[in-house]
Amino acid sequence: MISKSINRHHANMRLDRYLRQEFPDETLSRLFGVIRKKKVRVNGVIAKAPLLLQEGDQVQIYESLKEKSKEPWGKAPQYCDALFLKNNLHLALEHEDFIVIDKSSGIASQPGTGTKAKETLVDMLWQWGQDARLDFKPTLVHRLDRETSGLLIAALHGDSLRKLAKIIREQKLQKYYFALVKGKLKRDKGVIALNLERSDSAQGSKVKVSDQGKPSFTRYKVHRRYLDCTLVKIKLETGRMHQIRAHFASIGHPLAGDSRYGDFEWNKKLSKQLNLNRLFLHSSQLEWTWKNQSIFIESPLPKELREIISQLNHKG
């Protein structure tokens, strides 16, 4: 018999998913067969696949199954650039269930095409978790584009990961951004409601406005108007890839410094005159309710973006 005690990392997880995680070398058919043959009990009671496990539950498996490595994360990586990772992981908030990271522009959230080995936010979180001797690999619950700076949440155990994912799925995480866009918006506030469709190619993923796309909503309010651009505060109602960038570009007001959806000539002008050499998009504020308490956290504009605003203010 195999006996397991459920900890907080596996609380609120379905029994079948728990078995798949604990016995990754076994086939799904074998695991479901063990359940069907009534060889799995939870707290002494025969259990079915959809059962939600709770912290402290005792799982008994009356079958020989191959267990995964005892090392919770597998073999720990050896970083030759650990100093880089530590210096670039800025924590805006530490909580027993999660952390909030204030990401710099230029750092990719996760590995992918064009990212340097071991220099993504995922790598930094891995290293931080190893140094803090956590028994769970810190996991991002949402992401930002490489060029976007600002706030991101990472779960510190399995139960909080599932709860935070549910909060995001139900659109109960309020996300606010600041962006500098080209031209003068006609209205002081509004909602961009345009469907977005994703396409992938060798040059990278991109989204476009399409009737076949997913419904997408970006709410904005003008924060400050300048001669040929506008600083806007944005609230995301949905969280599609590149949503803010694609939405504003589609209405003729691309974001400053956007090399993918932006105005190439305007970006050159901004780089030369204002020394803007990054996307002007910053995740500035997160709000949600956690265990009946309101969580509110803000991130000021990074120094390089504040300098741009200072120059624009000087010019009127």
C-alpha atoms as a PDB file:
ATOM      1  CA  MET A   1       0.000   0.000   0.000  1.00  0.00           C
ATOM      2  CA  ILE A   2       1.127   3.560  -0.778  1.00  0.00           C
ATOM      3  CA  SER A   3       0.106   6.186   1.769  1.00  0.00           C
ATOM      4  CA  LYS A   4       0.115   9.939   1.116  1.00  0.00           C
ATOM      5  CA  SER A   5      -0.734  12.951   3.280  1.00  0.00           C
ATOM      6  CA  ILE A   6      -2.178  15.978   1.476  1.00  0.00           C
ATOM      7  CA  ASN A   7      -0.375  19.257   2.160  1.00  0.00           C
ATOM      8  CA  ARG A   8      -1.369  22.788   1.183  1.00  0.00           C
ATOM      9  CA  HIS A   9       0.228  22.462  -2.253  1.00  0.00           C
ATOM     10  CA  HIS A  10      -2.371  19.863  -3.207  1.00  0.00           C
ATOM     11  CA  ALA A  11      -5.381  21.199  -1.285  1.00  0.00           C
ATOM     12  CA  ASN A  12      -8.469  21.726  -3.487  1.00  0.00           C
ATOM     13  CA  MET A  13      -6.972  19.524  -6.227  1.00  0.00           C
ATOM     14  CA  ARG A  14      -9.014  16.752  -7.829  1.00  0.00           C
ATOM     15  CA  LEU A  15      -7.960  13.232  -6.915  1.00  0.00           C
ATOM     16  CA  ASP A  16      -7.252  12.219 -10.531  1.00  0.00           C
ATOM     17  CA  ARG A  17      -5.054  15.290 -11.098  1.00  0.00           C
ATOM     18  CA  TYR A  18      -3.208  14.607  -7.857  1.00  0.00           C
ATOM     19  CA  LEU A  19      -2.457  11.041  -8.942  1.00  0.00           C
ATOM     20  CA  ARG A  20      -1.244  12.240 -12.339  1.00  0.00           C
ATOM     21  CA  GLN A  21       1.131  14.664 -10.604  1.00  0.00           C
ATOM     22  CA  GLU A  22       2.405  12.151  -8.057  1.00  0.00           C
ATOM     23  CA  PHE A  23       2.833   9.290 -10.531  1.00  0.00           C
ATOM     24  CA  PRO A  24       3.892  10.976 -13.803  1.00  0.00           C
ATOM     25  CA  ASP A  25       5.463   7.796 -15.206  1.00  0.00           C
ATOM     26  CA  GLU A  26       2.171   5.892 -15.061  1.00  0.00           C
ATOM     27  CA  THR A  27      -0.292   6.031 -17.974  1.00  0.00           C
ATOM     28  CA  LEU A  28      -3.631   7.766 -17.543  1.00  0.00           C
ATOM     29  CA  SER A  29      -5.468   4.546 -18.288  1.00  0.00           C
ATOM     30  CA  ARG A  30      -3.612   2.783 -15.487  1.00  0.00           C
ATOM     31  CA  LEU A  31      -4.311   5.539 -12.967  1.00  0.00           C
ATOM     32  CA  PHE A  32      -7.989   5.709 -13.850  1.00  0.00           C
ATOM     33  CA  GLY A  33      -8.097   1.918 -13.746  1.00  0.00           C
ATOM     34  CA  VAL A  34      -6.817   1.954 -10.172  1.00  0.00           C
ATOM     35  CA  ILE A  35      -9.592   4.394  -9.248  1.00  0.00           C
ATOM     36  CA  ARG A  36     -12.276   2.384 -11.071  1.00  0.00           C
ATOM     37  CA  LYS A  37     -11.174  -0.808  -9.314  1.00  0.00           C
ATOM     38  CA  LYS A  38     -11.803   1.009  -5.999  1.00  0.00           C
ATOM     39  CA  LYS A  39      -8.172   0.702  -4.945  1.00  0.00           C
ATOM     40  CA  VAL A  40      -7.887   4.341  -3.837  1.00  0.00           C
ATOM     41  CA  ARG A  41      -9.266   5.487  -0.489  1.00  0.00           C
ATOM     42  CA  VAL A  42      -9.284   8.948   1.080  1.00  0.00           C
ATOM     43  CA  ASN A  43      -9.550   8.973   4.859  1.00  0.00           C
ATOM     44  CA  GLY A  44     -10.539   5.318   4.663  1.00  0.00           C
ATOM     45  CA  VAL A  45     -13.401   5.866   2.193  1.00  0.00           C
ATOM     46  CA  ILE A  46     -13.354   4.601  -1.417  1.00  0.00           C
ATOM     47  CA  ALA A  47     -12.770   7.694  -3.576  1.00  0.00           C
ATOM     48  CA  LYS A  48     -13.767   8.752  -7.104  1.00  0.00           C
ATOM     49  CA  ALA A  49     -11.767  10.790  -9.615  1.00  0.00           C
ATOM     50  CA  PRO A  50     -13.548  14.189  -9.146  1.00  0.00           C
ATOM     51  CA  LEU A  51     -13.081  14.228  -5.358  1.00  0.00           C
ATOM     52  CA  LEU A  52     -11.516  17.511  -4.171  1.00  0.00           C
ATOM     53  CA  LEU A  53      -8.724  16.798  -1.724  1.00  0.00           C
ATOM     54  CA  GLN A  54      -8.308  18.867   1.426  1.00  0.00           C
ATOM     55  CA  GLU A  55      -5.209  19.648   3.457  1.00  0.00           C
ATOM     56  CA  GLY A  56      -4.652  16.848   5.962  1.00  0.00           C
ATOM     57  CA  ASP A  57      -6.485  14.180   3.954  1.00  0.00           C
ATOM     58  CA  GLN A  58      -4.895  10.720   3.980  1.00  0.00           C
ATOM     59  CA  VAL A  59      -4.759   8.954   0.617  1.00  0.00           C
ATOM     60  CA  GLN A  60      -4.200   5.189   0.517  1.00  0.00           C
ATOM     61  CA  ILE A  61      -3.461   3.422  -2.779  1.00  0.00           C
ATOM     62  CA  TYR A  62      -3.760  -0.357  -2.750  1.00  0.00           C
ATOM     63  CA  GLU A  63      -1.703  -0.867  -5.921  1.00  0.00           C
ATOM     64  CA  SER A  64       1.973  -0.752  -6.822  1.00  0.00           C
ATOM     65  CA  LEU A  65       2.694   2.502  -8.681  1.00  0.00           C
ATOM     66  CA  LYS A  66       5.984   4.134  -9.668  1.00  0.00           C
ATOM     67  CA  GLU A  67       6.465   7.309  -7.644  1.00  0.00           C
ATOM     68  CA  LYS A  68       8.208  10.446  -8.880  1.00  0.00           C
ATOM     69  CA  SER A  69      11.543  11.701  -7.557  1.00  0.00           C
ATOM     70  CA  LYS A  70      11.541  12.824  -3.928  1.00  0.00           C
ATOM     71  CA  GLU A  71      13.240  16.078  -4.989  1.00  0.00           C
ATOM     72  CA  PRO A  72      10.216  18.434  -5.274  1.00  0.00           C
ATOM     73  CA  TRP A  73      11.568  20.400  -8.215  1.00  0.00           C
ATOM     74  CA  GLY A  74      13.783  17.764  -9.752  1.00  0.00           C
ATOM     75  CA  LYS A  75      17.512  18.420  -9.902  1.00  0.00           C
ATOM     76  CA  ALA A  76      18.366  21.953  -8.835  1.00  0.00           C
ATOM     77  CA  PRO A  77      19.882  24.029 -11.664  1.00  0.00           C
ATOM     78  CA  GLN A  78      23.416  25.369 -11.413  1.00  0.00           C
ATOM     79  CA  TYR A  79      23.302  29.032 -12.404  1.00  0.00           C
ATOM     80  CA  CYS A  80      26.413  30.647 -13.691  1.00  0.00           C
ATOM     81  CA  ASP A  81      24.540  33.951 -13.677  1.00  0.00           C
ATOM     82  CA  ALA A  82      22.823  33.791 -10.262  1.00  0.00           C
ATOM     83  CA  LEU A  83      23.959  37.335  -9.452  1.00  0.00           C
ATOM     84  CA  PHE A  84      22.118  38.624 -12.534  1.00  0.00           C
ATOM     85  CA  LEU A  85      18.971  36.829 -11.416  1.00  0.00           C
ATOM     86  CA  LYS A  86      19.040  38.142  -7.850  1.00  0.00           C
ATOM     87  CA  ASN A  87      19.744  41.707  -8.927  1.00  0.00           C
ATOM     88  CA  ASN A  88      16.810  41.735 -11.338  1.00  0.00           C
ATOM     89  CA  LEU A  89      14.051  40.189  -9.192  1.00  0.00           C
ATOM     90  CA  HIS A  90      12.413  43.113  -7.413  1.00  0.00           C
ATOM     91  CA  LEU A  91       9.696  42.193  -4.912  1.00  0.00           C
ATOM     92  CA  ALA A  92       6.921  44.725  -4.374  1.00  0.00           C
ATOM     93  CA  LEU A  93       5.060  42.582  -1.838  1.00  0.00           C
ATOM     94  CA  GLU A  94       5.753  39.370   0.080  1.00  0.00           C
ATOM     95  CA  HIS A  95       2.849  37.329   1.438  1.00  0.00           C
ATOM     96  CA  GLU A  96       2.763  33.801   2.839  1.00  0.00           C
ATOM     97  CA  ASP A  97       0.670  32.687  -0.166  1.00  0.00           C
ATOM     98  CA  PHE A  98       2.180  34.750  -2.999  1.00  0.00           C
ATOM     99  CA  ILE A  99       4.657  37.424  -3.965  1.00  0.00           C
ATOM    100  CA  VAL A 100       4.207  40.424  -6.255  1.00  0.00           C
ATOM    101  CA  ILE A 101       7.132  41.180  -8.550  1.00  0.00           C
ATOM    102  CA  ASP A 102       7.899  44.574 -10.069  1.00  0.00           C
ATOM    103  CA  LYS A 103       9.370  43.529 -13.415  1.00  0.00           C
ATOM    104  CA  SER A 104      11.756  45.692 -15.419  1.00  0.00           C
ATOM    105  CA  SER A 105      11.283  46.234 -19.144  1.00  0.00           C
ATOM    106  CA  GLY A 106      13.393  43.901 -21.267  1.00  0.00           C
ATOM    107  CA  ILE A 107      12.938  40.813 -19.092  1.00  0.00           C
ATOM    108  CA  ALA A 108      10.833  38.021 -20.582  1.00  0.00           C
ATOM    109  CA  SER A 109       8.258  36.438 -18.298  1.00  0.00           C
ATOM    110  CA  GLN A 110       9.045  32.933 -19.520  1.00  0.00           C
ATOM    111  CA  PRO A 111      11.444  31.112 -21.875  1.00  0.00           C
ATOM    112  CA  GLY A 112      10.722  31.418 -25.578  1.00  0.00           C
ATOM    113  CA  THR A 113      12.107  32.420 -28.940  1.00  0.00           C
ATOM    114  CA  GLY A 114      14.778  35.090 -28.593  1.00  0.00           C
ATOM    115  CA  THR A 115      15.137  34.863 -24.805  1.00  0.00           C
ATOM    116  CA  LYS A 116      18.554  34.376 -23.264  1.00  0.00           C
ATOM    117  CA  ALA A 117      19.119  31.167 -21.360  1.00  0.00           C
ATOM    118  CA  LYS A 118      18.380  31.454 -17.621  1.00  0.00           C
ATOM    119  CA  GLU A 119      17.518  35.163 -17.758  1.00  0.00           C
ATOM    120  CA  THR A 120      13.708  35.028 -17.685  1.00  0.00           C
ATOM    121  CA  LEU A 121      11.408  35.828 -14.787  1.00  0.00           C
ATOM    122  CA  VAL A 122      10.678  32.108 -14.432  1.00  0.00           C
ATOM    123  CA  ASP A 123      14.411  31.467 -13.892  1.00  0.00           C
ATOM    124  CA  MET A 124      14.650  34.290 -11.382  1.00  0.00           C
ATOM    125  CA  LEU A 125      11.702  32.911  -9.425  1.00  0.00           C
ATOM    126  CA  TRP A 126      13.259  29.436  -9.459  1.00  0.00           C
ATOM    127  CA  GLN A 127      16.504  30.815  -8.035  1.00  0.00           C
ATOM    128  CA  TRP A 128      14.670  32.917  -5.426  1.00  0.00           C
ATOM    129  CA  GLY A 129      12.645  29.904  -4.344  1.00  0.00           C
ATOM    130  CA  GLN A 130      15.754  27.744  -4.065  1.00  0.00           C
ATOM    131  CA  ASP A 131      17.516  30.380  -1.975  1.00  0.00           C
ATOM    132  CA  ALA A 132      14.445  30.740   0.273  1.00  0.00           C
ATOM    133  CA  ARG A 133      14.337  26.928   0.645  1.00  0.00           C
ATOM    134  CA  LEU A 134      10.704  26.738  -0.477  1.00  0.00           C
ATOM    135  CA  ASP A 135       9.197  23.310  -1.041  1.00  0.00           C
ATOM    136  CA  PHE A 136       7.172  24.610  -4.021  1.00  0.00           C
ATOM    137  CA  LYS A 137       8.443  26.231  -7.190  1.00  0.00           C
ATOM    138  CA  PRO A 138       7.073  29.828  -7.293  1.00  0.00           C
ATOM    139  CA  THR A 139       4.750  30.044 -10.293  1.00  0.00           C
ATOM    140  CA  LEU A 140       3.524  33.072 -12.251  1.00  0.00           C
ATOM    141  CA  VAL A 141      -0.255  33.309 -12.417  1.00  0.00           C
ATOM    142  CA  HIS A 142      -0.268  35.869 -15.251  1.00  0.00           C
ATOM    143  CA  ARG A 143       2.324  37.431 -17.553  1.00  0.00           C
ATOM    144  CA  LEU A 144       3.573  40.666 -19.089  1.00  0.00           C
ATOM    145  CA  ASP A 145       5.207  41.196 -22.471  1.00  0.00           C
ATOM    146  CA  ARG A 146       8.998  41.387 -22.382  1.00  0.00           C
ATOM    147  CA  GLU A 147       8.931  45.137 -23.139  1.00  0.00           C
ATOM    148  CA  THR A 148       6.269  45.919 -20.509  1.00  0.00           C
ATOM    149  CA  SER A 149       7.310  46.762 -16.957  1.00  0.00           C
ATOM    150  CA  GLY A 150       5.391  46.505 -13.719  1.00  0.00           C
ATOM    151  CA  LEU A 151       3.476  44.216 -11.398  1.00  0.00           C
ATOM    152  CA  LEU A 152       3.059  40.439 -11.634  1.00  0.00           C
ATOM    153  CA  ILE A 153       1.843  37.834  -9.126  1.00  0.00           C
ATOM    154  CA  ALA A 154       3.530  34.499  -8.402  1.00  0.00           C
ATOM    155  CA  ALA A 155       1.953  31.794  -6.216  1.00  0.00           C
ATOM    156  CA  LEU A 156       4.029  30.222  -3.446  1.00  0.00           C
ATOM    157  CA  HIS A 157       2.074  26.991  -3.048  1.00  0.00           C
ATOM    158  CA  GLY A 158      -0.331  24.866  -5.038  1.00  0.00           C
ATOM    159  CA  ASP A 159      -3.525  25.910  -3.292  1.00  0.00           C
ATOM    160  CA  SER A 160      -2.836  29.625  -3.780  1.00  0.00           C
ATOM    161  CA  LEU A 161      -1.952  28.946  -7.441  1.00  0.00           C
ATOM    162  CA  ARG A 162      -5.356  27.389  -8.067  1.00  0.00           C
ATOM    163  CA  LYS A 163      -7.212  30.105  -6.135  1.00  0.00           C
ATOM    164  CA  LEU A 164      -5.373  32.939  -7.911  1.00  0.00           C
ATOM    165  CA  ALA A 165      -5.970  31.295 -11.289  1.00  0.00           C
ATOM    166  CA  LYS A 166      -9.692  31.164 -10.442  1.00  0.00           C
ATOM    167  CA  ILE A 167      -9.668  34.851  -9.470  1.00  0.00           C
ATOM    168  CA  ILE A 168      -8.107  35.751 -12.821  1.00  0.00           C
ATOM    169  CA  ARG A 169     -10.414  33.432 -14.753  1.00  0.00           C
ATOM    170  CA  GLU A 170     -13.435  35.087 -13.132  1.00  0.00           C
ATOM    171  CA  GLN A 171     -11.960  38.527 -13.897  1.00  0.00           C
ATOM    172  CA  LYS A 172     -11.776  39.493 -10.212  1.00  0.00           C
ATOM    173  CA  LEU A 173      -8.175  40.718 -10.448  1.00  0.00           C
ATOM    174  CA  GLN A 174      -8.248  44.426 -11.316  1.00  0.00           C
ATOM    175  CA  LYS A 175      -5.249  45.363 -13.483  1.00  0.00           C
ATOM    176  CA  TYR A 176      -4.315  48.959 -14.319  1.00  0.00           C
ATOM    177  CA  TYR A 177      -1.634  50.284 -16.666  1.00  0.00           C
ATOM    178  CA  PHE A 178      -0.145  53.586 -17.802  1.00  0.00           C
ATOM    179  CA  ALA A 179       0.643  54.031 -21.502  1.00  0.00           C
ATOM    180  CA  LEU A 180       1.787  56.872 -23.715  1.00  0.00           C
ATOM    181  CA  VAL A 181      -0.069  56.821 -27.027  1.00  0.00           C
ATOM    182  CA  LYS A 182       0.352  58.757 -30.251  1.00  0.00           C
ATOM    183  CA  GLY A 183      -1.970  61.679 -30.997  1.00  0.00           C
ATOM    184  CA  LYS A 184      -4.907  63.173 -29.122  1.00  0.00           C
ATOM    185  CA  LEU A 185      -7.765  60.907 -28.110  1.00  0.00           C
ATOM    186  CA  LYS A 186     -11.124  62.503 -28.904  1.00  0.00           C
ATOM    187  CA  ARG A 187     -12.758  61.368 -25.682  1.00  0.00           C
ATOM    188  CA  ASP A 188     -11.492  61.711 -22.113  1.00  0.00           C
ATOM    189  CA  LYS A 189     -12.521  58.135 -21.389  1.00  0.00           C
ATOM    190  CA  GLY A 190     -13.907  55.157 -23.235  1.00  0.00           C
ATOM    191  CA  VAL A 191     -13.809  51.442 -23.931  1.00  0.00           C
ATOM    192  CA  ILE A 192     -12.136  49.766 -26.900  1.00  0.00           C
ATOM    193  CA  ALA A 193     -14.270  46.694 -27.666  1.00  0.00           C
ATOM    194  CA  LEU A 194     -12.713  44.834 -30.593  1.00  0.00           C
ATOM    195  CA  ASN A 195     -12.268  41.093 -31.075  1.00  0.00           C
ATOM    196  CA  LEU A 196      -8.646  39.938 -31.233  1.00  0.00           C
ATOM    197  CA  GLU A 197      -7.320  36.920 -33.113  1.00  0.00           C
ATOM    198  CA  ARG A 198      -3.882  35.425 -32.511  1.00  0.00           C
ATOM    199  CA  SER A 199      -1.551  34.242 -35.249  1.00  0.00           C
ATOM    200  CA  ASP A 200       1.837  32.527 -34.906  1.00  0.00           C
ATOM    201  CA  SER A 201       4.720  32.656 -37.364  1.00  0.00           C
ATOM    202  CA  ALA A 202       8.498  32.312 -37.516  1.00  0.00           C
ATOM    203  CA  GLN A 203       8.704  36.045 -36.752  1.00  0.00           C
ATOM    204  CA  GLY A 204       6.740  35.583 -33.524  1.00  0.00           C
ATOM    205  CA  SER A 205       3.165  35.687 -32.265  1.00  0.00           C
ATOM    206  CA  LYS A 206       0.893  38.606 -33.015  1.00  0.00           C
ATOM    207  CA  VAL A 207      -2.768  39.553 -32.676  1.00  0.00           C
ATOM    208  CA  LYS A 208      -5.080  41.412 -35.022  1.00  0.00           C
ATOM    209  CA  VAL A 209      -8.600  42.774 -34.927  1.00  0.00           C
ATOM    210  CA  SER A 210     -10.897  40.150 -36.444  1.00  0.00           C
ATOM    211  CA  ASP A 211     -14.566  39.207 -36.321  1.00  0.00           C
ATOM    212  CA  GLN A 212     -13.375  35.639 -35.703  1.00  0.00           C
ATOM    213  CA  GLY A 213     -11.282  36.698 -32.713  1.00  0.00           C
ATOM    214  CA  LYS A 214     -12.054  36.556 -29.007  1.00  0.00           C
ATOM    215  CA  PRO A 215     -14.075  39.398 -27.420  1.00  0.00           C
ATOM    216  CA  SER A 216     -11.621  41.870 -25.863  1.00  0.00           C
ATOM    217  CA  PHE A 217     -12.284  45.010 -23.825  1.00  0.00           C
ATOM    218  CA  THR A 218      -9.843  47.769 -22.853  1.00  0.00           C
ATOM    219  CA  ARG A 219     -11.120  50.620 -20.686  1.00  0.00           C
ATOM    220  CA  TYR A 220      -9.128  53.872 -20.633  1.00  0.00           C
ATOM    221  CA  LYS A 221      -9.105  57.348 -19.144  1.00  0.00           C
ATOM    222  CA  VAL A 222      -6.963  60.278 -20.258  1.00  0.00           C
ATOM    223  CA  HIS A 223      -4.470  61.181 -17.530  1.00  0.00           C
ATOM    224  CA  ARG A 224      -2.619  64.015 -19.296  1.00  0.00           C
ATOM    225  CA  ARG A 225      -2.654  65.481 -22.798  1.00  0.00           C
ATOM    226  CA  TYR A 226       0.494  66.710 -24.594  1.00  0.00           C
ATOM    227  CA  LEU A 227       1.177  68.323 -27.973  1.00  0.00           C
ATOM    228  CA  ASP A 228       1.264  65.144 -30.057  1.00  0.00           C
ATOM    229  CA  CYS A 229       0.632  62.344 -27.556  1.00  0.00           C
ATOM    230  CA  THR A 230      -1.551  61.353 -24.611  1.00  0.00           C
ATOM    231  CA  LEU A 231      -0.811  59.654 -21.300  1.00  0.00           C
ATOM    232  CA  VAL A 232      -3.662  57.259 -20.495  1.00  0.00           C
ATOM    233  CA  LYS A 233      -4.561  55.075 -17.535  1.00  0.00           C
ATOM    234  CA  ILE A 234      -5.927  51.729 -18.643  1.00  0.00           C
ATOM    235  CA  LYS A 235      -8.007  49.058 -16.985  1.00  0.00           C
ATOM    236  CA  LEU A 236      -8.017  45.650 -18.635  1.00  0.00           C
ATOM    237  CA  GLU A 237     -11.411  43.980 -18.733  1.00  0.00           C
ATOM    238  CA  THR A 238      -9.952  40.963 -20.557  1.00  0.00           C
ATOM    239  CA  GLY A 239      -6.370  39.740 -20.753  1.00  0.00           C
ATOM    240  CA  ARG A 240      -5.533  38.810 -24.338  1.00  0.00           C
ATOM    241  CA  MET A 241      -1.969  38.692 -25.612  1.00  0.00           C
ATOM    242  CA  HIS A 242      -0.734  42.178 -26.655  1.00  0.00           C
ATOM    243  CA  GLN A 243      -4.277  43.459 -26.031  1.00  0.00           C
ATOM    244  CA  ILE A 244      -3.447  47.049 -25.071  1.00  0.00           C
ATOM    245  CA  ARG A 245      -0.908  47.440 -27.862  1.00  0.00           C
ATOM    246  CA  ALA A 246      -3.138  45.976 -30.557  1.00  0.00           C
ATOM    247  CA  HIS A 247      -6.266  47.809 -29.432  1.00  0.00           C
ATOM    248  CA  PHE A 248      -4.732  51.285 -29.382  1.00  0.00           C
ATOM    249  CA  ALA A 249      -2.895  50.683 -32.664  1.00  0.00           C
ATOM    250  CA  SER A 250      -6.181  49.624 -34.281  1.00  0.00           C
ATOM    251  CA  ILE A 251      -7.851  52.958 -33.429  1.00  0.00           C
ATOM    252  CA  GLY A 252      -4.922  54.985 -34.750  1.00  0.00           C
ATOM    253  CA  HIS A 253      -3.172  55.673 -31.440  1.00  0.00           C
ATOM    254  CA  PRO A 254      -0.243  53.227 -31.182  1.00  0.00           C
ATOM    255  CA  LEU A 255       1.859  53.073 -28.034  1.00  0.00           C
ATOM    256  CA  ALA A 256       5.124  54.976 -27.867  1.00  0.00           C
ATOM    257  CA  GLY A 257       8.140  52.758 -28.412  1.00  0.00           C
ATOM    258  CA  ASP A 258       6.098  49.816 -29.710  1.00  0.00           C
ATOM    259  CA  SER A 259       8.272  48.067 -32.296  1.00  0.00           C
ATOM    260  CA  ARG A 260       5.599  45.534 -33.269  1.00  0.00           C
ATOM    261  CA  TYR A 261       2.333  47.487 -33.528  1.00  0.00           C
ATOM    262  CA  GLY A 262       3.620  51.048 -33.389  1.00  0.00           C
ATOM    263  CA  ASP A 263       4.536  53.891 -35.728  1.00  0.00           C
ATOM    264  CA  PHE A 264       8.154  53.335 -36.856  1.00  0.00           C
ATOM    265  CA  GLU A 265       8.899  56.960 -37.780  1.00  0.00           C
ATOM    266  CA  TRP A 266       7.329  58.338 -34.598  1.00  0.00           C
ATOM    267  CA  ASN A 267       9.332  55.884 -32.509  1.00  0.00           C
ATOM    268  CA  LYS A 268      12.552  57.064 -34.192  1.00  0.00           C
ATOM    269  CA  LYS A 269      11.617  60.653 -33.354  1.00  0.00           C
ATOM    270  CA  LEU A 270      10.907  59.768 -29.707  1.00  0.00           C
ATOM    271  CA  SER A 271      14.190  57.918 -29.418  1.00  0.00           C
ATOM    272  CA  LYS A 272      16.165  60.819 -30.842  1.00  0.00           C
ATOM    273  CA  GLN A 273      14.383  63.682 -29.073  1.00  0.00           C
ATOM    274  CA  LEU A 274      13.356  62.115 -25.751  1.00  0.00           C
ATOM    275  CA  ASN A 275      15.704  59.133 -25.518  1.00  0.00           C
ATOM    276  CA  LEU A 276      12.762  56.713 -25.326  1.00  0.00           C
ATOM    277  CA  ASN A 277      14.180  53.300 -26.177  1.00  0.00           C
ATOM    278  CA  ARG A 278      11.525  50.978 -24.739  1.00  0.00           C
ATOM    279  CA  LEU A 279       7.791  50.415 -24.877  1.00  0.00           C
ATOM    280  CA  PHE A 280       5.923  52.999 -22.810  1.00  0.00           C
ATOM    281  CA  LEU A 281       3.601  50.567 -21.040  1.00  0.00           C
ATOM    282  CA  HIS A 282       3.681  49.940 -17.298  1.00  0.00           C
ATOM    283  CA  SER A 283       1.552  47.671 -15.092  1.00  0.00           C
ATOM    284  CA  SER A 284       0.984  50.163 -12.301  1.00  0.00           C
ATOM    285  CA  GLN A 285      -1.693  48.769 -10.023  1.00  0.00           C
ATOM    286  CA  LEU A 286      -3.248  45.459  -8.918  1.00  0.00           C
ATOM    287  CA  GLU A 287      -6.330  44.986  -6.744  1.00  0.00           C
ATOM    288  CA  TRP A 288      -8.090  41.830  -5.586  1.00  0.00           C
ATOM    289  CA  THR A 289      -9.675  40.202  -2.549  1.00  0.00           C
ATOM    290  CA  TRP A 290      -7.731  37.468  -0.770  1.00  0.00           C
ATOM    291  CA  LYS A 291      -9.183  35.580   2.193  1.00  0.00           C
ATOM    292  CA  ASN A 292     -11.726  38.353   2.757  1.00  0.00           C
ATOM    293  CA  GLN A 293      -9.033  41.040   2.751  1.00  0.00           C
ATOM    294  CA  SER A 294      -8.517  43.679   0.056  1.00  0.00           C
ATOM    295  CA  ILE A 295      -5.092  43.611  -1.576  1.00  0.00           C
ATOM    296  CA  PHE A 296      -3.981  46.856  -3.209  1.00  0.00           C
ATOM    297  CA  ILE A 297      -0.502  47.478  -4.557  1.00  0.00           C
ATOM    298  CA  GLU A 298       0.959  50.189  -6.778  1.00  0.00           C
ATOM    299  CA  SER A 299       4.162  50.562  -8.751  1.00  0.00           C
ATOM    300  CA  PRO A 300       5.376  54.035  -9.754  1.00  0.00           C
ATOM    301  CA  LEU A 301       6.559  54.654 -13.283  1.00  0.00           C
ATOM    302  CA  PRO A 302      10.176  53.514 -13.729  1.00  0.00           C
ATOM    303  CA  LYS A 303      12.825  56.217 -13.775  1.00  0.00           C
ATOM    304  CA  GLU A 304      13.268  56.128 -17.565  1.00  0.00           C
ATOM    305  CA  LEU A 305       9.532  56.701 -18.123  1.00  0.00           C
ATOM    306  CA  ARG A 306       9.347  59.437 -15.494  1.00  0.00           C
ATOM    307  CA  GLU A 307      12.118  61.243 -17.354  1.00  0.00           C
ATOM    308  CA  ILE A 308      10.073  61.092 -20.562  1.00  0.00           C
ATOM    309  CA  ILE A 309       7.058  62.587 -18.780  1.00  0.00           C
ATOM    310  CA  SER A 310       9.262  65.288 -17.255  1.00  0.00           C
ATOM    311  CA  GLN A 311      10.438  66.329 -20.708  1.00  0.00           C
ATOM    312  CA  LEU A 312       6.878  66.351 -22.059  1.00  0.00           C
ATOM    313  CA  ASN A 313       5.705  68.449 -19.106  1.00  0.00           C
ATOM    314  CA  HIS A 314       8.529  70.914 -19.792  1.00  0.00           C
ATOM    315  CA  LYS A 315       7.403  71.214 -23.412  1.00  0.00           C
ATOM    316  CA  GLY A 316       3.828  71.750 -22.329  1.00  0.00           C
END
